[in-house]
Amino acid sequence: MEPNLLIDVTGWLGAVALLSAYALVSAKKLAGDSLRYQALNLLGGGLLIVNSFYYGAFPSVGVNVVWIAIAIVTLVAGRRARG
């Protein structure tokens, strides 16, 4: 597979993961602090970081790094609350 095509597919998969997470929370199919929702955010953000970094879209890289950090903080806080 051509490198650009692989990077493009990676970016689109990341976008689908983030949009799916948002749609599922909006439709009340997932809770905003659920493991599945945060996992979709981690996956989507990570894939978009790869795509954005490759194409030199550094503001997008920064946004997705923060997006992932929020997901990690939420997961850690949820784990601590559950004991």
C-alpha atoms as a PDB file:
ATOM      1  CA  MET A   1       0.000   0.000   0.000  1.00  0.00           C
ATOM      2  CA  GLU A   2       1.279   3.468  -0.866  1.00  0.00           C
ATOM      3  CA  PRO A   3       2.456   5.406   2.255  1.00  0.00           C
ATOM      4  CA  ASN A   4       0.161   8.385   1.639  1.00  0.00           C
ATOM      5  CA  LEU A   5      -2.837   6.084   1.223  1.00  0.00           C
ATOM      6  CA  LEU A   6      -2.029   4.352   4.516  1.00  0.00           C
ATOM      7  CA  ILE A   7      -1.736   7.717   6.285  1.00  0.00           C
ATOM      8  CA  ASP A   8      -4.992   8.894   4.709  1.00  0.00           C
ATOM      9  CA  VAL A   9      -6.823   5.737   5.794  1.00  0.00           C
ATOM     10  CA  THR A  10      -5.373   6.170   9.282  1.00  0.00           C
ATOM     11  CA  GLY A  11      -6.740   9.717   9.424  1.00  0.00           C
ATOM     12  CA  TRP A  12     -10.174   8.717   8.186  1.00  0.00           C
ATOM     13  CA  LEU A  13     -10.376   5.869  10.706  1.00  0.00           C
ATOM     14  CA  GLY A  14      -9.465   8.319  13.450  1.00  0.00           C
ATOM     15  CA  ALA A  15     -12.169  10.721  12.312  1.00  0.00           C
ATOM     16  CA  VAL A  16     -14.736   7.902  12.211  1.00  0.00           C
ATOM     17  CA  ALA A  17     -13.773   6.815  15.741  1.00  0.00           C
ATOM     18  CA  LEU A  18     -14.140  10.344  17.155  1.00  0.00           C
ATOM     19  CA  LEU A  19     -17.387  11.037  15.325  1.00  0.00           C
ATOM     20  CA  SER A  20     -18.790   7.655  16.357  1.00  0.00           C
ATOM     21  CA  ALA A  21     -17.958   8.381  19.992  1.00  0.00           C
ATOM     22  CA  TYR A  22     -19.675  11.761  19.782  1.00  0.00           C
ATOM     23  CA  ALA A  23     -22.736  10.323  18.035  1.00  0.00           C
ATOM     24  CA  LEU A  24     -23.072   7.498  20.573  1.00  0.00           C
ATOM     25  CA  VAL A  25     -22.893   9.898  23.526  1.00  0.00           C
ATOM     26  CA  SER A  26     -25.308  12.302  21.863  1.00  0.00           C
ATOM     27  CA  ALA A  27     -27.748   9.447  21.242  1.00  0.00           C
ATOM     28  CA  LYS A  28     -27.322   8.348  24.878  1.00  0.00           C
ATOM     29  CA  LYS A  29     -25.979   4.958  23.813  1.00  0.00           C
ATOM     30  CA  LEU A  30     -22.759   5.536  25.788  1.00  0.00           C
ATOM     31  CA  ALA A  31     -22.008   7.516  28.922  1.00  0.00           C
ATOM     32  CA  GLY A  32     -19.435  10.285  28.588  1.00  0.00           C
ATOM     33  CA  ASP A  33     -17.237   8.701  31.238  1.00  0.00           C
ATOM     34  CA  SER A  34     -17.560   5.128  29.953  1.00  0.00           C
ATOM     35  CA  LEU A  35     -14.569   3.019  29.006  1.00  0.00           C
ATOM     36  CA  ARG A  36     -15.877   2.528  25.450  1.00  0.00           C
ATOM     37  CA  TYR A  37     -16.363   6.244  24.863  1.00  0.00           C
ATOM     38  CA  GLN A  38     -12.919   7.113  26.173  1.00  0.00           C
ATOM     39  CA  ALA A  39     -11.338   4.228  24.223  1.00  0.00           C
ATOM     40  CA  LEU A  40     -12.889   5.578  21.010  1.00  0.00           C
ATOM     41  CA  ASN A  41     -11.484   9.015  21.884  1.00  0.00           C
ATOM     42  CA  LEU A  42      -8.020   7.559  22.529  1.00  0.00           C
ATOM     43  CA  LEU A  43      -8.072   5.568  19.307  1.00  0.00           C
ATOM     44  CA  GLY A  44      -9.434   8.393  17.188  1.00  0.00           C
ATOM     45  CA  GLY A  45      -7.104  10.986  18.639  1.00  0.00           C
ATOM     46  CA  GLY A  46      -4.089   8.726  18.219  1.00  0.00           C
ATOM     47  CA  LEU A  47      -4.869   7.937  14.599  1.00  0.00           C
ATOM     48  CA  LEU A  48      -5.450  11.592  13.812  1.00  0.00           C
ATOM     49  CA  ILE A  49      -2.127  12.498  15.443  1.00  0.00           C
ATOM     50  CA  VAL A  50      -0.342  10.146  13.048  1.00  0.00           C
ATOM     51  CA  ASN A  51      -2.126  11.656  10.059  1.00  0.00           C
ATOM     52  CA  SER A  52      -1.726  15.265  11.175  1.00  0.00           C
ATOM     53  CA  PHE A  53       1.947  14.878  12.074  1.00  0.00           C
ATOM     54  CA  TYR A  54       2.715  13.255   8.724  1.00  0.00           C
ATOM     55  CA  TYR A  55       1.122  16.163   6.857  1.00  0.00           C
ATOM     56  CA  GLY A  56       2.640  18.803   9.139  1.00  0.00           C
ATOM     57  CA  ALA A  57      -0.705  19.928  10.563  1.00  0.00           C
ATOM     58  CA  PHE A  58       0.772  20.673  13.971  1.00  0.00           C
ATOM     59  CA  PRO A  59      -2.199  22.590  15.421  1.00  0.00           C
ATOM     60  CA  SER A  60      -4.286  19.464  14.814  1.00  0.00           C
ATOM     61  CA  VAL A  61      -1.581  17.355  16.462  1.00  0.00           C
ATOM     62  CA  GLY A  62      -1.774  19.627  19.512  1.00  0.00           C
ATOM     63  CA  VAL A  63      -5.560  19.426  19.712  1.00  0.00           C
ATOM     64  CA  ASN A  64      -5.467  15.646  19.524  1.00  0.00           C
ATOM     65  CA  VAL A  65      -2.738  15.378  22.158  1.00  0.00           C
ATOM     66  CA  VAL A  66      -5.009  17.351  24.497  1.00  0.00           C
ATOM     67  CA  TRP A  67      -7.982  15.197  23.418  1.00  0.00           C
ATOM     68  CA  ILE A  68      -6.067  12.064  24.411  1.00  0.00           C
ATOM     69  CA  ALA A  69      -4.926  13.632  27.689  1.00  0.00           C
ATOM     70  CA  ILE A  70      -8.548  14.388  28.599  1.00  0.00           C
ATOM     71  CA  ALA A  71      -9.523  10.794  27.847  1.00  0.00           C
ATOM     72  CA  ILE A  72      -6.674   9.438  29.989  1.00  0.00           C
ATOM     73  CA  VAL A  73      -7.490  11.749  32.909  1.00  0.00           C
ATOM     74  CA  THR A  74     -11.148  10.701  32.712  1.00  0.00           C
ATOM     75  CA  LEU A  75     -10.237   7.002  32.655  1.00  0.00           C
ATOM     76  CA  VAL A  76      -7.848   7.361  35.610  1.00  0.00           C
ATOM     77  CA  ALA A  77     -10.401   9.375  37.607  1.00  0.00           C
ATOM     78  CA  GLY A  78     -13.085   6.789  36.876  1.00  0.00           C
ATOM     79  CA  ARG A  79     -10.821   3.958  37.934  1.00  0.00           C
ATOM     80  CA  ARG A  80      -9.955   5.700  41.206  1.00  0.00           C
ATOM     81  CA  ALA A  81     -13.638   6.407  41.924  1.00  0.00           C
ATOM     82  CA  ARG A  82     -14.473   2.728  41.456  1.00  0.00           C
ATOM     83  CA  GLY A  83     -11.663   1.770  43.833  1.00  0.00           C
END
